[in-house]
């Protein structure tokens, strides 16, 4: 009995848990406040949520949420407007590559609304306009029920795939480098 208890304790303490691989990352807002943004990501295994961010690639600031989840939401402050923020997310050991976004401007907010990406349209104009905010108006998935099947409750995978798809239609200068995650 004592050997079984010691063995169980050793397995619980000494063996690493399964990796919480980061599968997709996207940005949202909780409120209409341009001084804050929410970094979201998904992992296969539950774990804590950490975002490192800042105005340089070394991401000197950190916000952490200590809860064991697979769908992560971390709100970060944006102290500066008209700036490019860099960020990385992590859950346990896995850490994403560097990603970046533009904070809101002080003068003119440039918004693009996109819909019906099923045909994989060219997105050159969106890059040329240097938009601050891209809104999805829907109809991005061709036959969601066919892709997910009857009774499947998690229907997020086709949406994640549709967000990655348009990158092939971006001009060369708009494509992310191979070290960047599929940030949205």
Protein backbone atom coordinates (compact mmCIF):
# COMPACT_ATOMS: atom_id res chain seq x y z
CA UNK A 1 0.00 0.00 0.00
CA UNK A 2 2.81 2.41 0.91
CA UNK A 3 4.67 1.65 -2.37
CA UNK A 4 1.51 2.34 -4.36
CA UNK A 5 1.03 5.70 -2.61
CA UNK A 6 4.68 6.71 -3.18
CA UNK A 7 4.48 5.63 -6.85
CA UNK A 8 1.27 7.61 -7.35
CA UNK A 9 2.85 10.69 -5.72
CA UNK A 10 5.94 10.35 -7.97
CA UNK A 11 3.79 10.10 -11.11
CA UNK A 12 1.73 13.15 -10.17
CA UNK A 13 4.72 15.34 -9.22
CA UNK A 14 7.58 14.17 -11.43
CA UNK A 15 5.94 13.43 -14.77
CA UNK A 16 5.28 16.38 -17.07
CA UNK A 17 1.76 17.05 -18.20
CA UNK A 18 0.72 16.96 -21.85
CA UNK A 19 1.82 19.91 -23.94
CA UNK A 20 -0.67 22.75 -24.30
CA UNK A 21 0.10 23.44 -27.97
CA UNK A 22 -1.20 26.82 -29.13
CA UNK A 23 -3.48 26.24 -32.10
CA UNK A 24 -4.71 29.74 -33.08
CA UNK A 25 -4.51 33.35 -31.88
CA UNK A 26 -6.86 36.29 -32.47
CA UNK A 27 -7.62 39.75 -31.08
CA UNK A 28 -10.96 41.14 -29.82
CA UNK A 29 -12.38 43.80 -27.50
CA UNK A 30 -14.47 43.33 -24.34
CA UNK A 31 -15.69 46.92 -24.40
CA UNK A 32 -15.57 49.93 -26.74
CA UNK A 33 -12.29 51.11 -25.20
CA UNK A 34 -9.34 51.69 -27.56
CA UNK A 35 -6.89 51.68 -24.64
CA UNK A 36 -7.35 47.91 -24.11
CA UNK A 37 -7.43 44.82 -26.34
CA UNK A 38 -8.04 41.14 -25.61
CA UNK A 39 -5.57 38.54 -26.87
CA UNK A 40 -7.29 35.17 -27.34
CA UNK A 41 -5.90 31.74 -28.16
CA UNK A 42 -6.81 28.10 -28.01
CA UNK A 43 -4.87 25.11 -26.71
CA UNK A 44 -5.54 21.39 -26.82
CA UNK A 45 -4.71 20.95 -23.12
CA UNK A 46 -5.78 23.28 -20.27
CA UNK A 47 -3.26 25.64 -18.72
CA UNK A 48 -2.60 29.19 -17.55
CA UNK A 49 -2.67 32.25 -19.84
CA UNK A 50 0.29 34.61 -20.26
CA UNK A 51 0.73 37.47 -22.75
CA UNK A 52 4.07 39.22 -23.13
CA UNK A 53 3.76 42.47 -25.09
CA UNK A 54 5.23 45.88 -25.74
CA UNK A 55 6.40 48.39 -28.33
CA UNK A 56 9.51 46.33 -29.12
CA UNK A 57 10.05 42.70 -30.13
CA UNK A 58 11.45 41.82 -26.69
CA UNK A 59 7.92 42.30 -25.23
CA UNK A 60 8.89 43.76 -21.83
CA UNK A 61 5.38 43.81 -20.28
CA UNK A 62 3.44 40.77 -19.02
CA UNK A 63 -0.18 40.05 -18.08
CA UNK A 64 -1.00 36.61 -16.68
CA UNK A 65 -4.29 34.93 -15.80
CA UNK A 66 -3.90 31.95 -13.46
CA UNK A 67 -6.68 29.56 -14.45
CA UNK A 68 -6.60 26.21 -16.18
CA UNK A 69 -8.47 26.69 -19.49
CA UNK A 70 -8.21 25.72 -23.16
CA UNK A 71 -9.83 28.92 -24.48
CA UNK A 72 -7.66 31.81 -23.27
CA UNK A 73 -8.67 35.50 -23.00
CA UNK A 74 -6.19 38.05 -21.63
CA UNK A 75 -6.92 41.79 -21.72
CA UNK A 76 -3.84 43.98 -22.10
CA UNK A 77 -3.51 47.77 -21.78
CA UNK A 78 -2.49 49.87 -24.80
CA UNK A 79 -0.83 52.96 -23.37
CA UNK A 80 0.18 54.45 -26.71
CA UNK A 81 -1.82 55.27 -29.85
CA UNK A 82 -0.38 55.30 -33.39
CA UNK A 83 2.05 52.53 -32.43
CA UNK A 84 2.85 48.95 -33.36
CA UNK A 85 2.62 46.50 -30.48
CA UNK A 86 4.40 43.15 -30.49
CA UNK A 87 3.13 40.21 -28.47
CA UNK A 88 3.61 36.51 -27.67
CA UNK A 89 1.30 34.16 -25.82
CA UNK A 90 2.16 31.15 -23.71
CA UNK A 91 0.41 28.37 -21.88
CA UNK A 92 2.88 26.38 -19.82
CA UNK A 93 6.05 25.82 -21.87
CA UNK A 94 4.66 26.38 -25.39
CA UNK A 95 5.09 30.00 -26.55
CA UNK A 96 3.90 31.50 -29.80
CA UNK A 97 6.19 33.38 -32.14
CA UNK A 98 6.22 37.17 -32.29
CA UNK A 99 3.06 38.76 -33.70
CA UNK A 100 2.17 42.44 -34.08
CA UNK A 101 -0.81 44.77 -34.45
CA UNK A 102 -1.33 48.52 -34.83
CA UNK A 103 -2.93 50.40 -31.95
CA UNK A 104 -5.72 52.81 -32.74
CA UNK A 105 -4.79 56.14 -34.29
CA UNK A 106 -5.26 59.59 -32.80
CA UNK A 107 -6.85 61.05 -35.93
CA UNK A 108 -8.54 58.78 -38.55
CA UNK A 109 -9.57 55.20 -37.87
CA UNK A 110 -9.31 53.06 -41.02
CA UNK A 111 -11.76 50.13 -41.02
CA UNK A 112 -12.30 47.38 -43.59
CA UNK A 113 -15.34 45.10 -43.67
CA UNK A 114 -14.91 41.75 -45.41
CA UNK A 115 -17.49 39.09 -46.23
CA UNK A 116 -17.87 36.03 -48.42
CA UNK A 117 -14.26 34.87 -48.30
CA UNK A 118 -15.27 31.46 -49.62
CA UNK A 119 -13.92 32.43 -53.04
CA UNK A 120 -10.57 33.47 -51.53
CA UNK A 121 -10.55 37.03 -52.92
CA UNK A 122 -7.43 39.12 -53.45
CA UNK A 123 -6.74 41.30 -50.40
CA UNK A 124 -4.21 43.76 -51.87
CA UNK A 125 -6.51 46.78 -51.31
CA UNK A 126 -6.82 46.06 -47.58
CA UNK A 127 -3.04 46.08 -47.23
CA UNK A 128 -2.63 49.24 -49.33
CA UNK A 129 -5.20 51.05 -47.19
CA UNK A 130 -3.26 50.14 -44.02
CA UNK A 131 -6.43 49.45 -42.01
CA UNK A 132 -6.47 49.49 -38.21
CA UNK A 133 -9.49 47.24 -37.80
CA UNK A 134 -10.74 44.38 -39.99
CA UNK A 135 -14.36 43.36 -39.38
CA UNK A 136 -15.75 40.03 -40.58
CA UNK A 137 -19.30 40.36 -41.90
CA UNK A 138 -19.91 36.63 -42.26
CA UNK A 139 -20.40 34.01 -44.94
CA UNK A 140 -16.80 32.84 -44.71
CA UNK A 141 -17.54 29.12 -44.43
CA UNK A 142 -18.94 27.08 -47.29
CA UNK A 143 -21.53 24.73 -45.74
CA UNK A 144 -20.52 24.63 -42.08
CA UNK A 145 -22.66 21.53 -41.41
CA UNK A 146 -20.87 19.57 -44.14
CA UNK A 147 -17.47 20.49 -42.67
CA UNK A 148 -18.35 19.69 -39.05
CA UNK A 149 -20.92 16.94 -39.31
CA UNK A 150 -24.18 16.43 -37.49
CA UNK A 151 -23.94 16.70 -33.70
CA UNK A 152 -20.46 18.26 -33.58
CA UNK A 153 -20.60 21.03 -30.99
CA UNK A 154 -17.14 22.56 -31.55
CA UNK A 155 -17.46 24.35 -34.86
CA UNK A 156 -14.50 26.69 -34.45
CA UNK A 157 -11.98 24.77 -36.60
CA UNK A 158 -13.45 25.79 -39.99
CA UNK A 159 -13.44 29.44 -38.85
CA UNK A 160 -9.79 29.22 -37.87
CA UNK A 161 -8.95 27.65 -41.22
CA UNK A 162 -10.84 30.39 -43.07
CA UNK A 163 -8.81 33.05 -41.26
CA UNK A 164 -5.57 31.44 -42.44
CA UNK A 165 -6.77 30.88 -46.01
CA UNK A 166 -6.65 34.48 -47.30
CA UNK A 167 -2.92 34.79 -46.59
CA UNK A 168 -2.24 32.98 -49.85
CA UNK A 169 -3.95 35.86 -51.66
CA UNK A 170 -1.88 38.58 -50.01
CA UNK A 171 0.91 40.21 -51.99
CA UNK A 172 4.38 39.05 -50.91
CA UNK A 173 5.01 42.05 -48.58
CA UNK A 174 1.79 41.31 -46.63
CA UNK A 175 2.49 37.68 -45.86
CA UNK A 176 3.67 36.82 -42.37
CA UNK A 177 7.15 35.40 -41.98
CA UNK A 178 7.50 31.67 -41.35
CA UNK A 179 8.35 32.37 -37.69
CA UNK A 180 5.14 34.28 -36.99
CA UNK A 181 2.06 32.45 -35.69
CA UNK A 182 -1.24 32.45 -37.50
CA UNK A 183 -2.35 35.53 -35.64
CA UNK A 184 -5.59 37.16 -36.47
